[in-house]
Amino acid sequence: MKKEEQKKTSATRILGERYVKGNRKRIRRIEREIEKAEVAAKIYEMRTQAGLSQIELAQRVKTSQSVISRLEDADYRGHSLRMLERVAEALDCRVQIGFVPNGAYATQKG
């Protein structure tokens, strides 16, 4: 079989199988990073869809622009439920929380 005819495999899948598969600590660490990135992306998405700058959202939340910037940073770890509720209220929505078993993300996506 020619090289171009071989089934292509994504780099993510190869790396996952090589370095993550079966390693519960690594899977959980990756899931935590994904969780933080999803929260940050969601706040950014909702803010931009509302047509607000970080400063404008900060004014509505009664906080500073730097706090909004941190909330939109995928590396930020300090999300509190109360702050998320304040952001949601400022954007005319509510926070919805769900619980999933550890390792569920890897099972769903892999």
Protein backbone atom coordinates (compact mmCIF):
# COMPACT_ATOMS: atom_id res chain seq x y z
CA MET A 1 0.00 0.00 0.00
CA LYS A 2 1.32 3.42 -0.92
CA LYS A 3 2.05 5.88 1.84
CA GLU A 4 -0.67 8.31 0.72
CA GLU A 5 -3.21 5.49 0.72
CA GLN A 6 -2.54 4.59 4.34
CA LYS A 7 -5.12 5.73 6.82
CA LYS A 8 -4.07 9.03 8.34
CA THR A 9 -4.06 9.33 12.12
CA SER A 10 -4.21 12.66 13.90
CA ALA A 11 -1.23 13.81 15.93
CA THR A 12 -3.51 14.24 18.93
CA ARG A 13 -4.57 10.61 18.77
CA ILE A 14 -0.99 9.38 18.38
CA LEU A 15 0.23 11.48 21.30
CA GLY A 16 -2.75 10.43 23.39
CA GLU A 17 -2.14 6.76 22.78
CA ARG A 18 1.59 7.07 23.34
CA TYR A 19 1.73 9.31 26.42
CA VAL A 20 -1.69 9.51 28.04
CA LYS A 21 -3.72 6.36 27.46
CA GLY A 22 -4.21 4.52 30.73
CA ASN A 23 -2.35 7.10 32.82
CA ARG A 24 -5.06 8.38 35.18
CA LYS A 25 -2.95 11.25 36.57
CA ARG A 26 -2.16 12.59 33.10
CA ILE A 27 -5.75 12.20 31.97
CA ARG A 28 -7.02 14.12 35.01
CA ARG A 29 -4.39 16.83 34.53
CA ILE A 30 -5.43 17.25 30.90
CA GLU A 31 -9.10 17.33 31.87
CA ARG A 32 -8.42 20.12 34.39
CA GLU A 33 -6.65 22.15 31.72
CA ILE A 34 -9.54 21.58 29.33
CA GLU A 35 -12.03 22.67 32.01
CA LYS A 36 -10.15 25.92 32.62
CA ALA A 37 -9.87 26.61 28.89
CA GLU A 38 -13.58 25.95 28.36
CA VAL A 39 -14.60 28.34 31.16
CA ALA A 40 -12.27 31.05 29.84
CA ALA A 41 -13.47 30.59 26.27
CA LYS A 42 -17.12 30.66 27.32
CA ILE A 43 -16.73 33.92 29.23
CA TYR A 44 -14.90 35.47 26.27
CA GLU A 45 -17.51 34.19 23.82
CA MET A 46 -20.45 35.50 25.85
CA ARG A 47 -18.77 38.88 26.40
CA THR A 48 -17.97 39.38 22.72
CA GLN A 49 -21.42 38.19 21.61
CA ALA A 50 -22.88 40.82 23.93
CA GLY A 51 -20.67 43.39 22.20
CA LEU A 52 -18.87 44.31 25.40
CA SER A 53 -15.24 45.15 26.03
CA GLN A 54 -13.52 43.77 29.10
CA ILE A 55 -13.84 47.19 30.70
CA GLU A 56 -17.58 47.34 30.03
CA LEU A 57 -18.15 43.86 31.44
CA ALA A 58 -16.01 44.73 34.46
CA GLN A 59 -18.20 47.78 35.12
CA ARG A 60 -21.33 45.62 35.00
CA VAL A 61 -19.76 43.03 37.33
CA LYS A 62 -18.41 45.79 39.59
CA THR A 63 -14.84 44.62 39.31
CA SER A 64 -11.74 45.61 37.35
CA GLN A 65 -10.78 44.90 33.76
CA SER A 66 -7.81 42.86 34.99
CA VAL A 67 -10.18 40.48 36.81
CA ILE A 68 -12.15 39.93 33.60
CA SER A 69 -8.88 39.40 31.74
CA ARG A 70 -7.85 36.73 34.27
CA LEU A 71 -11.24 35.01 33.97
CA GLU A 72 -10.72 34.82 30.21
CA ASP A 73 -7.22 33.36 30.63
CA ALA A 74 -7.10 29.58 30.13
CA ASP A 75 -4.32 29.33 32.75
CA TYR A 76 -6.38 31.00 35.50
CA ARG A 77 -7.31 28.71 38.39
CA GLY A 78 -9.25 31.01 40.72
CA HIS A 79 -12.78 30.80 39.34
CA SER A 80 -15.25 31.08 42.16
CA LEU A 81 -18.89 30.19 41.77
CA ARG A 82 -19.86 33.62 43.08
CA MET A 83 -17.74 35.44 40.48
CA LEU A 84 -19.12 33.26 37.70
CA GLU A 85 -22.64 34.08 38.92
CA ARG A 86 -21.82 37.80 38.84
CA VAL A 87 -20.51 37.51 35.27
CA ALA A 88 -23.55 35.49 34.23
CA GLU A 89 -25.92 38.03 35.78
CA ALA A 90 -24.13 40.86 33.98
CA LEU A 91 -24.60 38.97 30.72
CA ASP A 92 -28.27 38.15 31.45
CA CYS A 93 -27.79 34.42 31.89
CA ARG A 94 -27.14 31.93 34.67
CA VAL A 95 -24.43 29.44 35.59
CA GLN A 96 -25.19 25.78 35.02
CA ILE A 97 -22.98 23.15 36.67
CA GLY A 98 -22.61 19.49 35.85
CA PHE A 99 -20.60 16.63 37.26
CA VAL A 100 -18.96 13.94 35.15
CA PRO A 101 -16.77 11.01 36.20
CA ASN A 102 -13.01 11.45 36.01
CA GLY A 103 -11.71 10.21 32.70
CA ALA A 104 -15.03 10.84 30.96
CA TYR A 105 -13.56 13.47 28.65
CA ALA A 106 -10.89 11.08 27.38
CA THR A 107 -13.54 8.41 26.82
CA GLN A 108 -15.89 10.80 24.98
CA LYS A 109 -13.25 12.43 22.78
CA GLY A 110 -10.83 9.55 22.22
